[in-house]
Amino acid sequence: MRRRSFLAELTDFIWTNKAWMLAPVIVVLLLVGVLIILGGTQAAPFIYTLF
């Protein structure tokens, strides 16, 4: 049995169980994570001007 990645398992779960309400939650969490990561870099002043 081949081991699958977390992203593949999550996508398969959403697809087979028709759990479409999880997709926006995951997208928002990913975007918040990207903002947190970019907040500590040289891009921080550009991000702060968006808000």
N, C-alpha and C. Protein backbone atom coordinates (compact mmCIF):
# COMPACT_ATOMS: atom_id res chain seq x y z
N MET A 1 0.84 -1.17 0.00
CA MET A 1 0.00 0.00 0.00
C MET A 1 0.89 1.24 0.00
N ARG A 2 0.62 2.12 -0.94
CA ARG A 2 1.41 3.33 -1.06
C ARG A 2 0.88 4.39 -0.10
N ARG A 3 1.79 5.10 0.52
CA ARG A 3 1.41 6.13 1.47
C ARG A 3 1.06 7.41 0.72
N ARG A 4 -0.07 8.01 1.07
CA ARG A 4 -0.52 9.23 0.40
C ARG A 4 -0.25 10.45 1.26
N SER A 5 -0.14 11.59 0.62
CA SER A 5 0.13 12.82 1.35
C SER A 5 -1.15 13.29 2.06
N PHE A 6 -0.94 14.19 3.00
CA PHE A 6 -2.07 14.74 3.75
C PHE A 6 -3.03 15.48 2.84
N LEU A 7 -2.48 16.23 1.91
CA LEU A 7 -3.32 16.99 0.98
C LEU A 7 -4.16 16.08 0.10
N ALA A 8 -3.58 14.98 -0.35
CA ALA A 8 -4.32 14.01 -1.16
C ALA A 8 -5.42 13.36 -0.35
N GLU A 9 -5.13 13.01 0.89
CA GLU A 9 -6.14 12.40 1.76
C GLU A 9 -7.29 13.38 2.03
N LEU A 10 -6.95 14.64 2.29
CA LEU A 10 -7.96 15.64 2.57
C LEU A 10 -8.84 15.89 1.35
N THR A 11 -8.24 15.99 0.19
CA THR A 11 -9.00 16.18 -1.04
C THR A 11 -9.92 14.99 -1.31
N ASP A 12 -9.41 13.80 -1.10
CA ASP A 12 -10.22 12.60 -1.29
C ASP A 12 -11.38 12.56 -0.30
N PHE A 13 -11.14 12.95 0.94
CA PHE A 13 -12.20 12.99 1.95
C PHE A 13 -13.30 13.96 1.55
N ILE A 14 -12.90 15.17 1.13
CA ILE A 14 -13.89 16.18 0.73
C ILE A 14 -14.67 15.71 -0.48
N TRP A 15 -13.99 15.08 -1.43
CA TRP A 15 -14.64 14.65 -2.67
C TRP A 15 -15.61 13.50 -2.42
N THR A 16 -15.21 12.49 -1.65
CA THR A 16 -16.07 11.31 -1.46
C THR A 16 -17.21 11.56 -0.50
N ASN A 17 -17.00 12.40 0.51
CA ASN A 17 -18.05 12.66 1.49
C ASN A 17 -18.90 13.89 1.16
N LYS A 18 -18.61 14.51 0.03
CA LYS A 18 -19.33 15.71 -0.40
C LYS A 18 -19.33 16.78 0.70
N ALA A 19 -18.20 16.93 1.33
CA ALA A 19 -18.04 17.90 2.42
C ALA A 19 -17.53 19.22 1.86
N TRP A 20 -18.29 19.82 0.98
CA TRP A 20 -17.85 21.04 0.30
C TRP A 20 -17.75 22.22 1.25
N MET A 21 -18.41 22.15 2.41
CA MET A 21 -18.35 23.27 3.34
C MET A 21 -16.97 23.39 3.98
N LEU A 22 -16.14 22.36 3.87
CA LEU A 22 -14.79 22.43 4.41
C LEU A 22 -13.82 23.19 3.50
N ALA A 23 -14.10 23.25 2.23
CA ALA A 23 -13.19 23.89 1.28
C ALA A 23 -12.95 25.37 1.60
N PRO A 24 -13.97 26.19 1.84
CA PRO A 24 -13.69 27.60 2.17
C PRO A 24 -12.93 27.77 3.48
N VAL A 25 -13.19 26.91 4.44
CA VAL A 25 -12.48 26.99 5.72
C VAL A 25 -10.99 26.72 5.51
N ILE A 26 -10.68 25.73 4.71
CA ILE A 26 -9.28 25.38 4.44
C ILE A 26 -8.60 26.50 3.67
N VAL A 27 -9.28 27.08 2.70
CA VAL A 27 -8.70 28.17 1.92
C VAL A 27 -8.41 29.38 2.81
N VAL A 28 -9.33 29.73 3.69
CA VAL A 28 -9.13 30.87 4.58
C VAL A 28 -7.97 30.60 5.53
N LEU A 29 -7.88 29.38 6.06
CA LEU A 29 -6.77 29.05 6.95
C LEU A 29 -5.43 29.11 6.23
N LEU A 30 -5.39 28.67 4.99
CA LEU A 30 -4.15 28.77 4.21
C LEU A 30 -3.77 30.22 3.95
N LEU A 31 -4.75 31.06 3.63
CA LEU A 31 -4.46 32.48 3.39
C LEU A 31 -3.96 33.18 4.66
N VAL A 32 -4.55 32.86 5.79
CA VAL A 32 -4.09 33.44 7.05
C VAL A 32 -2.67 32.99 7.35
N GLY A 33 -2.38 31.73 7.08
CA GLY A 33 -1.02 31.22 7.28
C GLY A 33 -0.01 31.93 6.40
N VAL A 34 -0.38 32.18 5.15
CA VAL A 34 0.52 32.90 4.24
C VAL A 34 0.74 34.32 4.73
N LEU A 35 -0.32 34.97 5.22
CA LEU A 35 -0.15 36.33 5.75
C LEU A 35 0.74 36.36 6.98
N ILE A 36 0.64 35.36 7.82
CA ILE A 36 1.49 35.29 9.01
C ILE A 36 2.95 35.10 8.61
N ILE A 37 3.17 34.22 7.65
CA ILE A 37 4.54 33.97 7.19
C ILE A 37 5.12 35.22 6.54
N LEU A 38 4.34 35.87 5.68
CA LEU A 38 4.83 37.06 5.00
C LEU A 38 4.95 38.26 5.94
N GLY A 39 4.25 38.22 7.07
CA GLY A 39 4.34 39.32 8.03
C GLY A 39 5.71 39.44 8.66
N GLY A 40 6.48 38.38 8.67
CA GLY A 40 7.80 38.41 9.25
C GLY A 40 8.91 38.63 8.24
N THR A 41 8.56 38.92 7.01
CA THR A 41 9.56 39.10 5.97
C THR A 41 9.62 40.56 5.54
N GLN A 42 10.36 40.81 4.47
CA GLN A 42 10.48 42.17 3.94
C GLN A 42 9.18 42.65 3.29
N ALA A 43 8.23 41.76 3.06
CA ALA A 43 6.96 42.13 2.44
C ALA A 43 5.97 42.70 3.44
N ALA A 44 6.31 42.72 4.72
CA ALA A 44 5.39 43.16 5.77
C ALA A 44 4.83 44.57 5.54
N PRO A 45 5.64 45.57 5.19
CA PRO A 45 5.07 46.90 4.99
C PRO A 45 4.02 46.95 3.87
N PHE A 46 4.19 46.12 2.88
CA PHE A 46 3.20 46.10 1.79
C PHE A 46 1.92 45.42 2.20
N ILE A 47 2.01 44.44 3.08
CA ILE A 47 0.83 43.75 3.56
C ILE A 47 0.03 44.65 4.49
N TYR A 48 0.73 45.41 5.34
CA TYR A 48 0.04 46.27 6.30
C TYR A 48 -0.74 47.37 5.60
N THR A 49 -0.29 47.79 4.42
CA THR A 49 -1.04 48.83 3.71
C THR A 49 -2.36 48.31 3.15
N LEU A 50 -2.50 46.98 3.02
CA LEU A 50 -3.77 46.43 2.55
C LEU A 50 -4.87 46.55 3.60
N PHE A 51 -4.48 46.60 4.85
CA PHE A 51 -5.46 46.65 5.93
C PHE A 51 -5.51 48.03 6.53
